[in-house]
Protein backbone atom coordinates (compact mmCIF):
# COMPACT_ATOMS: atom_id res chain seq x y z
CA MET A 1 100.55 100.96 119.88
CA THR A 2 103.27 103.18 118.51
CA ILE A 3 103.77 104.26 114.91
CA ALA A 4 106.79 102.02 114.63
CA HIS A 5 104.53 98.97 115.41
CA ARG A 6 101.84 100.12 112.94
CA PHE A 7 104.27 100.88 110.04
CA PRO A 8 107.40 98.73 110.66
CA ALA A 9 108.68 98.97 107.09
CA LEU A 10 108.48 102.78 107.17
CA TYR A 11 110.29 102.73 110.46
CA GLY A 12 113.03 100.58 108.95
CA ILE A 13 113.35 102.85 105.87
CA LEU A 14 113.71 105.95 108.05
CA LEU A 15 116.41 104.23 110.12
CA SER A 16 118.08 103.10 106.91
CA VAL A 17 118.24 106.73 105.70
CA LEU A 18 119.89 107.72 108.98
CA LEU A 19 122.40 104.83 108.62
CA PHE A 20 123.04 105.92 104.99
CA ILE A 21 123.85 109.52 106.09
CA THR A 22 126.16 108.16 108.81
CA PHE A 23 127.98 105.86 106.44
CA ALA A 24 128.19 108.58 103.79
CA LEU A 25 129.74 111.00 106.23
CA THR A 26 132.22 108.32 107.34
CA LEU A 27 133.23 107.56 103.79
CA SER A 28 133.56 111.24 102.96
CA MET A 29 135.96 111.63 105.90
CA TRP A 30 138.02 108.70 104.63
CA ASN A 31 138.08 110.24 101.10
CA THR A 32 139.49 113.42 102.51
CA TRP A 33 142.37 111.37 104.03
CA GLN A 34 143.16 110.06 100.54
CA SER A 35 142.07 106.54 101.36
CA PRO A 36 141.52 104.17 98.38
CA ILE A 37 137.84 103.67 99.18
CA ASN A 38 135.53 103.98 96.17
CA PRO A 39 131.89 104.60 97.31
CA ASN A 40 130.61 103.71 93.81
CA GLY A 41 132.29 100.29 93.64
CA TRP A 42 132.27 97.32 95.98
CA THR A 43 132.53 99.53 99.07
CA GLY A 44 129.21 101.05 98.16
CA ILE A 45 127.57 97.69 97.58
CA ILE A 46 128.89 96.42 100.98
CA MET A 47 127.61 99.59 102.63
CA HIS A 48 124.13 99.37 101.08
CA THR A 49 123.92 95.69 101.83
CA LEU A 50 124.64 96.29 105.51
CA ILE A 51 122.17 99.12 105.69
CA ALA A 52 119.43 97.02 104.00
CA TRP A 53 120.16 94.03 106.26
CA ILE A 54 119.93 96.16 109.42
CA CYS A 55 116.82 97.87 108.03
CA GLY A 56 115.20 94.49 107.53
CA ILE A 57 116.14 93.28 111.01
CA LEU A 58 114.80 96.44 112.75
CA SER A 59 111.53 96.53 110.74
CA ALA A 60 110.89 92.84 111.38
CA LYS A 61 111.52 93.28 115.14
CA LYS A 62 108.72 95.88 115.22
CA SER A 63 106.25 93.88 113.22
CA GLN A 64 103.87 91.43 114.77
CA SER A 65 104.21 88.83 111.98
CA LEU A 66 105.64 88.22 108.48
CA GLY A 67 109.04 89.62 109.17
CA TRP A 68 110.36 88.65 105.71
CA LEU A 69 107.66 90.70 104.09
CA HIS A 70 108.36 93.74 106.18
CA GLY A 71 112.10 93.29 105.43
CA LEU A 72 111.24 93.05 101.70
CA TRP A 73 109.18 96.23 101.79
CA CYS A 74 111.90 97.98 103.70
CA GLY A 75 114.44 96.92 101.06
CA ILE A 76 112.23 98.04 98.27
CA GLY A 77 111.60 101.39 99.96
CA TYR A 78 115.29 101.91 100.57
CA LEU A 79 116.03 101.02 96.91
CA ILE A 80 113.40 103.57 95.68
CA TRP A 81 115.15 106.19 97.89
CA LEU A 82 118.49 105.24 96.36
CA ILE A 83 117.06 105.43 92.78
CA ALA A 84 115.66 108.89 93.50
CA LEU A 85 118.98 110.03 95.04
CA ARG A 86 120.92 108.64 92.16
CA GLY A 87 118.67 110.46 89.66
CA LEU A 88 119.36 113.74 91.44
CA ILE A 89 123.07 113.28 91.62
CA ASP A 90 124.10 111.92 88.19
CA ASN A 91 120.97 111.70 86.00
CA PHE A 92 121.57 107.93 85.69
CA ASP A 93 124.71 108.51 83.58
CA SER A 94 126.94 106.08 85.41
CA GLY A 95 125.50 102.92 83.92
CA ILE A 96 123.22 100.17 85.20
CA GLY A 97 125.74 97.27 85.74
CA MET A 98 126.89 97.80 89.32
CA PHE A 99 123.60 99.48 90.29
CA GLY A 100 121.58 96.50 88.97
CA LEU A 101 123.78 94.12 90.97
CA MET A 102 123.42 96.23 94.08
CA SER A 103 119.64 96.37 93.67
CA GLY A 104 119.37 92.61 93.79
CA ILE A 105 121.70 92.27 96.73
CA VAL A 106 119.86 95.01 98.66
CA ILE A 107 116.51 93.33 98.19
CA VAL A 108 117.86 89.90 99.23
CA ALA A 109 119.79 91.32 102.23
CA ALA A 110 116.72 93.18 103.49
CA THR A 111 114.50 90.05 103.17
CA ILE A 112 117.10 87.95 105.00
CA GLY A 113 117.28 90.62 107.66
CA GLY A 114 113.52 90.47 108.00
CA ILE A 115 113.69 86.67 108.49
CA MET A 116 116.50 87.03 111.04
CA GLY A 117 114.63 89.84 112.87
CA ARG A 118 111.52 87.85 113.48
CA LYS A 119 113.54 84.86 114.75
CA ALA A 120 115.58 86.99 117.19
């Protein structure tokens, strides 16, 4: 039994961090081309929702049962990582409105991904 099968939520969180880095590099390339993409607005929410959804699917595929729970834990872990990253970058000065909305969407998306991952 591999480590991914023993700790599927941790596997999903690590993959979500890799996806986050990939999306962040892509967005930074678009920002250098003067594209009107704002990573702190709706584009950021869509990006984090996709990452959490994929994280939930992948962690649920590695689990033996309770895919929704592994997806939920994966979403919570990804959200904790985002909170820590946000604290390092801007000391929580940018307000809670959009981040609160994104937090709820990330948790729901990861849980739905967990449900979909176990059914697939």
